[in-house]
């Protein structure tokens, strides 16, 4: 079964669609696991990235998270409103904003650790430890510059 017939029956040859569906499903599961903390998976990932990099600009944080800067700015608003992060003008570049994790944000991130660890263990149990490791390695390649270069070369070659 190929093409539109496979898609109509629920299958898809589109890697992007399959990745998006998988991302939504896994995010739903992790969001449910994190629900007692009041944070969503994306918010936890942002707090964790900020904690690793200390003060960061919106652009640098967006790049590290492979997010659109506009979408990131939207997602940062509730974190700032709730006192988990601060967003200040960069004294070295007034056009930029520096994002830093506040004490309350560090506490909230720590509060999510047990829920996240249970979700991660459940994921690995359901998929398998070896498969989980292989999946993370494949996904790491997909976000790499090497993959982007290969993908773009493939597009160029097919349009010639």
Foldseek 3Di string as FASTA:
>chain_A
DDDPVCVVVVHDPDPVVVVVVVVVVLQVLLQVLQVVLVDGPVVLVLLVVCVVVFKDWLVVSCLVVVHDSVVSVVVCVVCVVVVQWDWAQDPVHNVIIIIGGDPVVVVSSVVRVVSNVVSVVVVCVVQPVVRVVVVVVVVVVCSDPVVVVVVVVVVVVVVD
